[in-house]
C-alpha atoms as a PDB file:
ATOM      1  CA  MET A   1     147.109 282.396  88.228  1.00  0.00           C
ATOM      2  CA  SER A   2     148.564 280.103  85.581  1.00  0.00           C
ATOM      3  CA  ASN A   3     149.374 283.136  83.413  1.00  0.00           C
ATOM      4  CA  LEU A   4     151.526 284.544  86.189  1.00  0.00           C
ATOM      5  CA  LYS A   5     153.320 281.220  86.526  1.00  0.00           C
ATOM      6  CA  ASP A   6     153.983 281.253  82.780  1.00  0.00           C
ATOM      7  CA  ILE A   7     155.456 284.738  82.998  1.00  0.00           C
ATOM      8  CA  LYS A   8     157.623 283.760  85.964  1.00  0.00           C
ATOM      9  CA  SER A   9     158.925 280.691  84.178  1.00  0.00           C
ATOM     10  CA  GLU A  10     159.684 282.714  81.032  1.00  0.00           C
ATOM     11  CA  ILE A  11     161.634 285.254  83.079  1.00  0.00           C
ATOM     12  CA  GLU A  12     163.552 282.491  84.824  1.00  0.00           C
ATOM     13  CA  ASN A  13     164.346 280.802  81.494  1.00  0.00           C
ATOM     14  CA  TYR A  14     165.499 284.096  80.003  1.00  0.00           C
ATOM     15  CA  ALA A  15     167.649 284.778  83.072  1.00  0.00           C
ATOM     16  CA  ASN A  16     169.263 281.354  82.771  1.00  0.00           C
ATOM     17  CA  ASN A  17     170.047 281.917  79.081  1.00  0.00           C
ATOM     18  CA  SER A  18     171.371 285.448  79.523  1.00  0.00           C
ATOM     19  CA  ASN A  19     173.804 287.013  81.929  1.00  0.00           C
ATOM     20  CA  LEU A  20     171.062 289.039  83.656  1.00  0.00           C
ATOM     21  CA  THR A  21     169.301 288.396  86.937  1.00  0.00           C
ATOM     22  CA  GLU A  22     165.540 288.209  87.264  1.00  0.00           C
ATOM     23  CA  LEU A  23     165.424 291.639  88.921  1.00  0.00           C
ATOM     24  CA  GLN A  24     167.402 293.240  86.102  1.00  0.00           C
ATOM     25  CA  ILE A  25     164.976 291.785  83.577  1.00  0.00           C
ATOM     26  CA  VAL A  26     161.975 293.088  85.526  1.00  0.00           C
ATOM     27  CA  GLU A  27     163.586 296.553  85.779  1.00  0.00           C
ATOM     28  CA  LYS A  28     164.128 296.640  82.024  1.00  0.00           C
ATOM     29  CA  LEU A  29     160.518 295.609  81.443  1.00  0.00           C
ATOM     30  CA  GLU A  30     159.338 298.312  83.842  1.00  0.00           C
ATOM     31  CA  ILE A  31     161.344 300.961  81.978  1.00  0.00           C
ATOM     32  CA  HIS A  32     160.014 299.725  78.648  1.00  0.00           C
ATOM     33  CA  PHE A  33     156.362 299.854  79.689  1.00  0.00           C
ATOM     34  CA  PHE A  34     156.789 303.215  81.459  1.00  0.00           C
ATOM     35  CA  ASN A  35     158.267 304.722  78.285  1.00  0.00           C
ATOM     36  CA  LYS A  36     155.439 303.219  76.248  1.00  0.00           C
ATOM     37  CA  LYS A  37     152.858 304.827  78.533  1.00  0.00           C
ATOM     38  CA  VAL A  38     154.733 308.152  78.457  1.00  0.00           C
ATOM     39  CA  ASN A  39     154.704 308.164  74.657  1.00  0.00           C
ATOM     40  CA  GLN A  40     150.964 307.480  74.575  1.00  0.00           C
ATOM     41  CA  ASN A  41     150.330 310.357  76.956  1.00  0.00           C
ATOM     42  CA  LEU A  42     152.653 312.688  75.026  1.00  0.00           C
ATOM     43  CA  LYS A  43     150.628 312.119  71.873  1.00  0.00           C
ATOM     44  CA  LEU A  44     147.481 313.163  73.723  1.00  0.00           C
ATOM     45  CA  TYR A  45     149.288 316.139  75.271  1.00  0.00           C
ATOM     46  CA  LYS A  46     150.460 317.379  71.875  1.00  0.00           C
ATOM     47  CA  LYS A  47     146.889 317.220  70.549  1.00  0.00           C
ATOM     48  CA  GLY A  48     145.636 319.083  73.624  1.00  0.00           C
ATOM     49  CA  LEU A  49     143.410 316.213  74.726  1.00  0.00           C
ATOM     50  CA  LYS A  50     145.091 315.616  78.082  1.00  0.00           C
ATOM     51  CA  LYS A  51     146.338 318.039  80.726  1.00  0.00           C
ATOM     52  CA  VAL A  52     149.591 317.847  82.617  1.00  0.00           C
ATOM     53  CA  SER A  53     147.821 317.163  85.908  1.00  0.00           C
ATOM     54  CA  ASP A  54     145.974 314.190  84.420  1.00  0.00           C
ATOM     55  CA  ILE A  55     149.158 312.799  82.897  1.00  0.00           C
ATOM     56  CA  THR A  56     151.140 313.112  86.122  1.00  0.00           C
ATOM     57  CA  LYS A  57     148.380 311.348  88.058  1.00  0.00           C
ATOM     58  CA  ASP A  58     148.244 308.603  85.435  1.00  0.00           C
ATOM     59  CA  LEU A  59     152.025 308.073  85.389  1.00  0.00           C
ATOM     60  CA  LYS A  60     152.439 308.709  89.137  1.00  0.00           C
ATOM     61  CA  ILE A  61     155.229 311.225  88.615  1.00  0.00           C
ATOM     62  CA  SER A  62     155.717 314.826  89.656  1.00  0.00           C
ATOM     63  CA  PRO A  63     154.934 317.687  87.264  1.00  0.00           C
ATOM     64  CA  ARG A  64     158.596 318.717  87.431  1.00  0.00           C
ATOM     65  CA  LYS A  65     159.649 315.291  86.163  1.00  0.00           C
ATOM     66  CA  PHE A  66     157.058 315.478  83.381  1.00  0.00           C
ATOM     67  CA  TYR A  67     158.359 318.866  82.262  1.00  0.00           C
ATOM     68  CA  ALA A  68     161.884 317.393  82.281  1.00  0.00           C
ATOM     69  CA  ILE A  69     160.628 314.664  79.937  1.00  0.00           C
ATOM     70  CA  LEU A  70     159.135 317.344  77.675  1.00  0.00           C
ATOM     71  CA  GLU A  71     162.455 319.226  77.643  1.00  0.00           C
ATOM     72  CA  LYS A  72     164.355 316.026  76.869  1.00  0.00           C
ATOM     73  CA  LYS A  73     162.069 315.181  73.941  1.00  0.00           C
ATOM     74  CA  LYS A  74     162.134 318.839  72.795  1.00  0.00           C
ATOM     75  CA  ILE A  75     158.374 319.316  72.993  1.00  0.00           C
ATOM     76  CA  GLU A  76     157.177 322.872  73.384  1.00  0.00           C
ATOM     77  CA  HIS A  77     155.252 323.762  76.507  1.00  0.00           C
ATOM     78  CA  LYS A  78     154.344 326.864  78.457  1.00  0.00           C
ATOM     79  CA  LYS A  79     156.818 327.973  81.071  1.00  0.00           C
ATOM     80  CA  TYR A  80     155.261 329.692  84.021  1.00  0.00           C
ATOM     81  CA  ASN A  81     157.035 332.224  86.195  1.00  0.00           C
ATOM     82  CA  LYS A  82     156.868 331.523  89.899  1.00  0.00           C
ATOM     83  CA  LYS A  83     156.446 335.243  90.665  1.00  0.00           C
END
């Protein structure tokens, strides 16, 4: 529990020293750690060690959003026809 108090106090100190609110800081941290996890999973996807379904469950995103990330990062993937 003391670790959580330390983190809270650090966020509050950072918020006081910057022009950001605590929620903005937490949102930026969330984006940072999400991108870090995405990059780890993309490395495994490129090597063929992890499937799209496993990655989407791990990241808690939809497959459509994952394919959008692949398109954005210009990573080749199979495109399936709906027909």
